[in-house]
Amino acid sequence: MLQSLDGQSIDGLKFCGLVYGIFENVRATPEGIEALRMRRGKCKKLVEELLPICKYIQGKYRPGRYISVTWIDGNQTYDAELRSVGEYVVHGYYPANSFVEVTCIVHPNEYLAREHINAGGAVFGLDGLTRTKDRKVNSIPKVHVGDIFIENYADLVLTELVKNSVKLYPARTTLVMQCSLNRLYLPNEWAKLISSIEDRFRRTHSSSYFCMTLYLNTRHPYMRLQRAALN
């Protein structure tokens, strides 16, 4: 399914079209929606790695910066290598070569939500999901007080960010964090989440600096965090 992309240098927009074509082809099969929802087989890489890369590419590809993508299905410390050409690159606004690593931020009960929905159930919220003794999933409503749900999700992001910040990535690697949120967020709540993560990370990791850019998508909102060298 994905072998046609592996190790191939492909124009960024064409790459996105190929990935979306694979997604739609899988979705059109009799068990495709279930395979995508439950992240079965290569669908896990498709949903959690390739789709975020496409979103990132679409946000960066522009007149003056033409990007080719080489996605590698392996265990290296990055998911894709990017090569950029154009006037923005000639004048030093963007590097000619860079890398992208994708990580997913999910609530610990997120897999239960997917399982319950797949079985035809309704999910009130991630915090109210439990596994019963007969291995079924139970969902009950939970009430959030104030902005506690924002800080709870910020904890998840910071844990993953700290874990990734000590890895040995190639120079000019961008860490794309795909966020599967713990509930629906209004724009001001998403802004509070970003601000909380920035403030808390910089207070506890003063020797590191991350440039944080927000990308919003109705299905897959995610953050881009790029390590920048200190002057």
Protein backbone atom coordinates (compact mmCIF):
# COMPACT_ATOMS: atom_id res chain seq x y z
CA MET A 1 0.00 0.00 0.00
CA LEU A 2 2.72 2.47 0.98
CA GLN A 3 5.70 0.85 -0.77
CA SER A 4 5.27 3.09 -3.83
CA LEU A 5 6.19 6.09 -1.63
CA ASP A 6 9.03 4.57 0.39
CA GLY A 7 12.42 6.11 -0.38
CA GLN A 8 11.17 8.03 -3.43
CA SER A 9 11.89 11.73 -3.93
CA ILE A 10 8.51 13.20 -4.94
CA ASP A 11 7.32 16.76 -5.46
CA GLY A 12 5.54 17.81 -2.27
CA LEU A 13 2.13 18.52 -3.77
CA LYS A 14 2.23 15.32 -5.82
CA PHE A 15 3.22 13.46 -2.66
CA CYS A 16 0.13 14.83 -0.89
CA GLY A 17 -2.08 13.77 -3.79
CA LEU A 18 -0.66 10.24 -3.72
CA VAL A 19 -1.15 9.94 0.05
CA TYR A 20 -4.72 11.21 -0.15
CA GLY A 21 -5.38 8.79 -3.01
CA ILE A 22 -4.15 5.89 -0.87
CA PHE A 23 -6.37 7.09 2.00
CA GLU A 24 -9.46 7.20 -0.21
CA ASN A 25 -8.69 3.82 -1.79
CA VAL A 26 -8.43 2.22 1.65
CA ARG A 27 -11.55 3.98 2.85
CA ALA A 28 -13.52 2.66 -0.15
CA THR A 29 -12.81 -0.99 0.66
CA PRO A 30 -15.41 -3.00 2.65
CA GLU A 31 -13.39 -2.86 5.89
CA GLY A 32 -11.45 0.28 5.08
CA ILE A 33 -13.13 2.68 7.53
CA GLU A 34 -12.65 0.22 10.38
CA ALA A 35 -9.00 -0.35 9.41
CA LEU A 36 -8.34 3.39 9.39
CA ARG A 37 -10.18 3.99 12.66
CA MET A 38 -8.43 1.11 14.45
CA ARG A 39 -5.03 1.90 12.86
CA ARG A 40 -4.61 -1.63 11.54
CA GLY A 41 -1.45 -2.59 9.69
CA LYS A 42 -0.04 0.16 7.50
CA CYS A 43 -3.09 2.32 8.24
CA LYS A 44 -1.32 3.39 11.43
CA LYS A 45 1.54 4.97 9.47
CA LEU A 46 -0.91 6.40 6.96
CA VAL A 47 -3.00 8.20 9.60
CA GLU A 48 -0.36 9.02 12.21
CA GLU A 49 2.64 9.80 10.00
CA LEU A 50 1.87 10.46 6.33
CA LEU A 51 -1.23 12.63 6.76
CA PRO A 52 0.53 15.00 9.21
CA ILE A 53 3.50 15.25 6.83
CA CYS A 54 1.09 16.23 4.05
CA LYS A 55 -0.50 18.91 6.22
CA TYR A 56 2.95 20.29 7.02
CA ILE A 57 4.01 20.29 3.35
CA GLN A 58 0.84 22.07 2.28
CA GLY A 59 1.53 24.76 4.84
CA LYS A 60 5.11 25.35 3.66
CA TYR A 61 4.96 24.84 -0.14
CA ARG A 62 4.63 28.18 -1.93
CA PRO A 63 5.90 30.25 -4.86
CA GLY A 64 9.62 30.61 -4.22
CA ARG A 65 9.82 27.46 -2.13
CA TYR A 66 9.22 24.21 -3.98
CA ILE A 67 9.58 21.15 -1.78
CA SER A 68 10.30 17.55 -2.67
CA VAL A 69 9.68 14.83 -0.08
CA THR A 70 11.48 11.56 0.54
CA TRP A 71 9.50 9.53 3.05
CA ILE A 72 11.36 6.58 4.55
CA ASP A 73 9.53 3.65 6.14
CA GLY A 74 12.20 2.75 8.69
CA ASN A 75 13.52 3.21 12.21
CA GLN A 76 15.71 6.26 11.60
CA THR A 77 15.33 9.35 13.79
CA TYR A 78 13.22 11.19 11.21
CA ASP A 79 10.27 10.30 9.00
CA ALA A 80 10.94 12.35 5.88
CA GLU A 81 13.71 14.35 4.21
CA LEU A 82 12.76 17.59 2.50
CA ARG A 83 14.62 19.33 -0.30
CA SER A 84 13.63 22.89 -1.10
CA VAL A 85 14.46 25.00 -4.16
CA GLY A 86 13.39 28.47 -5.26
CA GLU A 87 14.14 32.12 -4.53
CA TYR A 88 13.33 31.87 -0.82
CA VAL A 89 16.02 29.21 -0.57
CA VAL A 90 18.50 31.15 -2.72
CA HIS A 91 18.18 34.17 -0.40
CA GLY A 92 18.51 32.12 2.76
CA TYR A 93 14.97 32.25 4.12
CA TYR A 94 14.68 28.45 4.15
CA PRO A 95 17.30 25.67 4.14
CA ALA A 96 17.79 23.58 1.04
CA ASN A 97 17.77 20.37 3.10
CA SER A 98 15.74 19.59 6.21
CA PHE A 99 13.97 16.74 7.98
CA VAL A 100 10.57 16.08 9.54
CA GLU A 101 9.74 13.82 12.46
CA VAL A 102 6.10 13.20 13.42
CA THR A 103 4.81 12.29 16.86
CA CYS A 104 1.21 11.93 18.02
CA ILE A 105 -0.21 13.30 21.27
CA VAL A 106 -3.19 11.26 22.42
CA HIS A 107 -5.18 10.88 25.62
CA PRO A 108 -4.50 7.51 27.36
CA ASN A 109 -8.13 6.53 26.69
CA GLU A 110 -8.12 7.50 23.02
CA TYR A 111 -7.84 3.88 21.88
CA LEU A 112 -10.91 3.02 23.98
CA ALA A 113 -12.87 5.77 22.22
CA ARG A 114 -11.98 4.38 18.80
CA GLU A 115 -12.86 0.86 19.91
CA HIS A 116 -16.20 1.95 21.40
CA ILE A 117 -17.18 3.97 18.33
CA ASN A 118 -16.18 1.08 16.10
CA ALA A 119 -18.54 -1.18 18.07
CA GLY A 120 -21.39 1.27 17.50
CA GLY A 121 -21.23 3.01 20.86
CA ALA A 122 -21.34 6.71 21.72
CA VAL A 123 -18.50 8.47 23.53
CA PHE A 124 -19.27 11.33 25.92
CA GLY A 125 -15.62 12.19 26.48
CA LEU A 126 -12.22 10.59 26.90
CA ASP A 127 -12.00 11.04 30.68
CA GLY A 128 -15.20 9.02 31.21
CA LEU A 129 -14.05 5.87 29.38
CA THR A 130 -13.32 2.64 31.25
CA ARG A 131 -12.85 -1.03 30.43
CA THR A 132 -15.42 -3.28 32.12
CA LYS A 133 -14.79 -6.77 33.49
CA ASP A 134 -16.35 -8.34 30.39
CA ARG A 135 -13.82 -6.40 28.23
CA LYS A 136 -16.42 -3.97 26.92
CA VAL A 137 -16.00 -0.18 26.99
CA ASN A 138 -18.18 2.01 29.18
CA SER A 139 -18.58 5.76 28.59
CA ILE A 140 -20.02 8.18 31.16
CA PRO A 141 -20.11 12.01 31.08
CA LYS A 142 -17.44 13.93 32.96
CA VAL A 143 -17.60 17.61 33.89
CA HIS A 144 -14.53 19.83 33.47
CA VAL A 145 -14.05 22.73 35.87
CA GLY A 146 -12.53 25.83 34.32
CA ASP A 147 -9.54 25.23 32.05
CA ILE A 148 -8.33 22.06 33.74
CA PHE A 149 -8.81 20.08 30.51
CA ILE A 150 -6.32 22.43 28.81
CA GLU A 151 -3.66 21.90 31.48
CA ASN A 152 -4.27 18.15 31.45
CA TYR A 153 -3.62 18.03 27.72
CA ALA A 154 -0.64 20.34 28.05
CA ASP A 155 0.83 17.75 30.45
CA LEU A 156 0.60 15.12 27.70
CA VAL A 157 2.24 17.39 25.13
CA LEU A 158 5.06 18.41 27.49
CA THR A 159 5.79 14.80 28.43
CA GLU A 160 6.18 13.89 24.76
CA LEU A 161 8.12 17.06 24.00
CA VAL A 162 10.63 16.46 26.79
CA LYS A 163 11.07 12.86 25.65
CA ASN A 164 11.75 13.94 22.08
CA SER A 165 13.98 16.88 23.03
CA VAL A 166 16.79 14.55 24.14
CA LYS A 167 16.85 12.49 20.96
CA LEU A 168 19.69 12.91 18.46
CA TYR A 169 17.97 14.29 15.40
CA PRO A 170 19.78 15.44 12.25
CA ALA A 171 20.38 19.18 11.98
CA ARG A 172 17.36 21.18 10.76
CA THR A 173 14.79 18.65 11.97
CA THR A 174 11.24 19.85 12.59
CA LEU A 175 9.16 17.93 15.12
CA VAL A 176 5.53 17.86 14.04
CA MET A 177 3.20 17.04 16.93
CA GLN A 178 -0.19 15.82 15.78
CA CYS A 179 -2.71 16.52 18.52
CA SER A 180 -5.73 14.29 19.03
CA LEU A 181 -7.41 16.59 21.53
CA ASN A 182 -9.15 15.53 24.74
CA ARG A 183 -12.35 17.40 23.77
CA LEU A 184 -13.58 20.01 21.32
CA TYR A 185 -11.60 23.25 21.63
CA LEU A 186 -12.70 26.76 20.82
CA PRO A 187 -10.05 28.95 19.15
CA ASN A 188 -9.30 30.79 22.40
CA GLU A 189 -8.89 27.48 24.25
CA TRP A 190 -6.44 26.23 21.61
CA ALA A 191 -4.51 29.49 21.98
CA LYS A 192 -4.38 28.96 25.77
CA LEU A 193 -3.04 25.44 25.21
CA ILE A 194 -0.23 26.71 22.97
CA SER A 195 0.65 29.48 25.41
CA SER A 196 0.71 27.09 28.36
CA ILE A 197 3.02 24.67 26.56
CA GLU A 198 5.40 27.43 25.48
CA ASP A 199 5.60 28.99 28.94
CA ARG A 200 5.99 25.75 30.88
CA PHE A 201 8.56 24.24 28.53
CA ARG A 202 10.75 27.32 28.48
CA ARG A 203 10.63 27.66 32.27
CA THR A 204 11.82 24.09 32.79
CA HIS A 205 14.19 23.86 29.80
CA SER A 206 15.90 27.23 29.69
CA SER A 207 18.84 25.77 27.72
CA SER A 208 16.54 24.83 24.83
CA TYR A 209 14.52 27.04 22.54
CA PHE A 210 11.69 26.01 20.29
CA CYS A 211 9.96 28.05 17.61
CA MET A 212 6.32 27.00 17.73
CA THR A 213 3.97 27.44 14.79
CA LEU A 214 0.33 26.40 14.90
CA TYR A 215 -1.42 24.50 12.13
CA LEU A 216 -5.15 23.90 12.53
CA ASN A 217 -7.16 21.25 10.71
CA THR A 218 -10.68 20.14 11.56
CA ARG A 219 -9.61 16.50 11.85
CA HIS A 220 -5.94 16.72 12.68
CA PRO A 221 -4.82 19.93 14.42
CA TYR A 222 -1.15 19.84 15.16
CA MET A 223 1.76 21.93 16.28
CA ARG A 224 5.13 22.31 14.62
CA LEU A 225 8.02 22.70 17.00
CA GLN A 226 11.45 23.44 15.59
CA ARG A 227 14.61 23.49 17.61
CA ALA A 228 16.59 26.68 17.01
CA ALA A 229 20.20 27.13 18.00
CA LEU A 230 20.85 29.70 20.70
CA ASN A 231 22.91 32.70 19.64
